[in-house]
Amino acid sequence: MTETKIEGEVENGAHISGSVIIRRGTVVEAGGDIRGPTIIGDDCEIRANAYIRGDVIIGNKCLIGNSSELKNTIMLNCAKAPHYNYCGDSIIGSNVNLGAGTKLSNFRFDGRNIILRLNTKRIDSQLRKFGAILGDSYGWRNTPNIKMLEVLYNKSLI
């Protein structure tokens, strides 16, 4: 992807750089900072002071709120990171609502690869950074810190 294509509305004071596609009906408020490569779907809200660092795909009708940051993340349709969230190296299912201040931790401080635990199996991801995989309709009301490569299944509520 090497183009910038803006079909939505980008308010004065928002910053767009690199290869960015913003689809129709999406609004980027003043103070929003979007760096490519990034694709943002239809009818999204990118609120003031949101920071999208690149290698991001955002589905339709998503919300990236005040002071939320996304890096190397996929958000499926209708997902919300409404305020003070960090989503790094993660996959966020459709209709997921992150509680205020949620951090999807993506780095092991010991420098080792991230290990996925699936039932009793341990699978080496071959990655030093990987956040979380959140199933569809996952949500919570408080401010959790999800450890790297945690898999939370559909319709979970914390």
Protein backbone atom coordinates (compact mmCIF):
# COMPACT_ATOMS: atom_id res chain seq x y z
CA MET A 1 0.00 0.00 0.00
CA THR A 2 1.62 3.24 -1.11
CA GLU A 3 -1.28 5.65 -1.45
CA THR A 4 -3.18 8.02 0.78
CA LYS A 5 -6.91 8.12 0.09
CA ILE A 6 -9.27 10.08 2.30
CA GLU A 7 -13.00 9.63 1.68
CA GLY A 8 -14.06 10.61 5.23
CA GLU A 9 -13.63 13.85 7.16
CA VAL A 10 -10.30 14.93 8.67
CA GLU A 11 -10.66 17.99 10.89
CA ASN A 12 -8.11 20.81 10.91
CA GLY A 13 -5.45 20.00 13.47
CA ALA A 14 -5.41 16.25 12.77
CA HIS A 15 -2.16 14.80 11.41
CA ILE A 16 -2.00 12.17 8.65
CA SER A 17 1.32 10.82 7.33
CA GLY A 18 2.43 7.88 5.23
CA SER A 19 0.10 5.57 3.36
CA VAL A 20 -3.36 5.96 4.94
CA ILE A 21 -6.81 5.04 3.67
CA ILE A 22 -9.80 6.57 5.46
CA ARG A 23 -13.16 5.36 4.19
CA ARG A 24 -16.42 7.30 3.86
CA GLY A 25 -18.32 8.39 6.93
CA THR A 26 -15.22 8.23 9.15
CA VAL A 27 -14.31 11.35 11.16
CA VAL A 28 -10.80 12.10 12.44
CA GLU A 29 -11.01 14.80 15.09
CA ALA A 30 -8.47 17.58 15.62
CA GLY A 31 -5.44 16.26 17.49
CA GLY A 32 -5.71 12.76 16.02
CA ASP A 33 -2.39 11.43 14.67
CA ILE A 34 -2.50 8.66 12.06
CA ARG A 35 0.64 7.19 10.51
CA GLY A 36 0.67 4.68 7.71
CA PRO A 37 0.39 2.09 6.63
CA THR A 38 -3.13 2.23 8.05
CA ILE A 39 -6.58 1.39 6.70
CA ILE A 40 -9.66 2.73 8.49
CA GLY A 41 -13.10 1.44 7.48
CA ASP A 42 -16.45 3.19 7.02
CA ASP A 43 -18.25 5.21 9.71
CA CYS A 44 -15.48 5.19 12.35
CA GLU A 45 -14.74 7.80 15.00
CA ILE A 46 -11.11 8.69 15.61
CA ARG A 47 -11.31 11.09 18.53
CA ALA A 48 -9.02 13.88 19.67
CA ASN A 49 -5.50 12.81 20.66
CA ALA A 50 -5.87 9.26 19.35
CA TYR A 51 -2.52 7.94 18.06
CA ILE A 52 -2.45 5.28 15.35
CA ARG A 53 1.20 4.30 14.80
CA GLY A 54 0.95 2.25 11.62
CA ASP A 55 0.51 -1.33 10.49
CA VAL A 56 -3.11 -0.99 11.63
CA ILE A 57 -6.36 -2.16 10.04
CA ILE A 58 -9.59 -0.84 11.56
CA GLY A 59 -12.95 -2.28 10.46
CA ASN A 60 -16.23 -0.43 9.97
CA LYS A 61 -18.03 1.47 12.76
CA CYS A 62 -15.08 1.36 15.16
CA LEU A 63 -14.19 3.91 17.82
CA ILE A 64 -10.66 4.96 18.77
CA GLY A 65 -11.03 7.37 21.66
CA ASN A 66 -9.17 10.12 23.41
CA SER A 67 -5.54 9.25 24.19
CA SER A 68 -5.87 5.71 22.85
CA GLU A 69 -2.93 4.26 20.91
CA LEU A 70 -2.85 1.45 18.35
CA LYS A 71 0.24 -0.18 16.85
CA ASN A 72 0.40 -3.21 14.58
CA THR A 73 -3.19 -4.09 15.42
CA ILE A 74 -6.29 -5.39 13.65
CA MET A 75 -9.70 -4.23 14.94
CA LEU A 76 -12.74 -5.97 13.51
CA ASN A 77 -16.09 -4.21 12.88
CA CYS A 78 -17.75 -2.30 15.73
CA ALA A 79 -14.79 -2.66 18.13
CA LYS A 80 -14.13 0.17 20.59
CA ALA A 81 -11.02 1.45 22.35
CA PRO A 82 -12.83 4.46 23.85
CA HIS A 83 -10.25 6.23 26.04
CA TYR A 84 -6.75 5.82 27.44
CA ASN A 85 -6.19 2.40 25.83
CA TYR A 86 -2.99 0.85 24.45
CA CYS A 87 -3.37 -1.89 21.83
CA GLY A 88 -0.04 -3.21 20.56
CA ASP A 89 0.47 -6.18 18.25
CA SER A 90 -3.06 -7.43 18.88
CA ILE A 91 -6.21 -8.73 17.20
CA ILE A 92 -9.45 -7.27 18.56
CA GLY A 93 -12.68 -9.07 17.63
CA SER A 94 -15.92 -7.48 16.46
CA ASN A 95 -18.10 -5.75 19.06
CA VAL A 96 -15.27 -5.75 21.62
CA ASN A 97 -15.42 -2.85 24.07
CA LEU A 98 -12.18 -2.13 25.94
CA GLY A 99 -12.69 -0.57 29.37
CA ALA A 100 -11.07 2.79 30.11
CA GLY A 101 -7.31 2.52 30.50
CA THR A 102 -6.98 -1.06 29.21
CA LYS A 103 -3.42 -1.98 28.21
CA LEU A 104 -2.78 -4.93 25.91
CA SER A 105 0.80 -5.64 26.95
CA ASN A 106 2.97 -6.82 24.06
CA PHE A 107 6.57 -7.19 25.25
CA ARG A 108 8.51 -9.59 27.44
CA PHE A 109 11.19 -7.79 29.37
CA ASP A 110 13.41 -10.88 29.43
CA GLY A 111 13.78 -10.76 25.62
CA ARG A 112 12.41 -14.27 25.07
CA ASN A 113 9.78 -15.27 22.54
CA ILE A 114 6.09 -15.02 23.44
CA ILE A 115 4.62 -18.44 24.29
CA LEU A 116 0.99 -19.25 23.48
CA ARG A 117 -0.70 -21.66 25.86
CA LEU A 118 -3.50 -23.64 24.27
CA ASN A 119 -5.04 -26.11 26.71
CA THR A 120 -1.96 -28.04 27.88
CA LYS A 121 0.22 -27.18 24.85
CA ARG A 122 2.89 -24.51 24.81
CA ILE A 123 3.47 -23.02 21.36
CA ASP A 124 6.45 -20.77 20.64
CA SER A 125 5.14 -17.83 18.58
CA GLN A 126 8.65 -17.03 17.29
CA LEU A 127 7.81 -13.40 18.17
CA ARG A 128 9.26 -11.09 20.81
CA LYS A 129 6.19 -8.86 20.66
CA PHE A 130 2.56 -9.97 20.59
CA GLY A 131 -0.30 -8.50 22.59
CA ALA A 132 -3.68 -10.21 22.89
CA ILE A 133 -6.26 -11.94 20.76
CA LEU A 134 -9.73 -10.89 21.93
CA GLY A 135 -12.72 -12.87 20.65
CA ASP A 136 -15.91 -11.26 19.35
CA SER A 137 -18.11 -9.43 21.89
CA TYR A 138 -15.42 -9.52 24.59
CA GLY A 139 -15.58 -6.67 27.10
CA TRP A 140 -14.93 -5.47 30.61
CA ARG A 141 -15.83 -2.62 32.91
CA ASN A 142 -12.59 -2.00 34.80
CA THR A 143 -8.97 -1.30 33.82
CA PRO A 144 -7.19 -4.59 33.24
CA ASN A 145 -3.68 -5.09 31.97
CA ILE A 146 -3.73 -8.10 29.68
CA LYS A 147 -0.43 -9.96 29.54
CA MET A 148 1.19 -10.73 26.21
CA LEU A 149 -0.46 -13.25 23.93
CA GLU A 150 -3.45 -13.83 26.13
CA VAL A 151 -6.36 -15.33 24.21
CA LEU A 152 -9.80 -14.36 25.46
CA TYR A 153 -12.73 -16.07 23.83
CA ASN A 154 -16.05 -14.86 22.44
CA LYS A 155 -18.59 -13.16 24.68
CA SER A 156 -16.30 -13.04 27.71
CA LEU A 157 -16.86 -10.35 30.36
CA ILE A 158 -14.39 -9.40 33.03
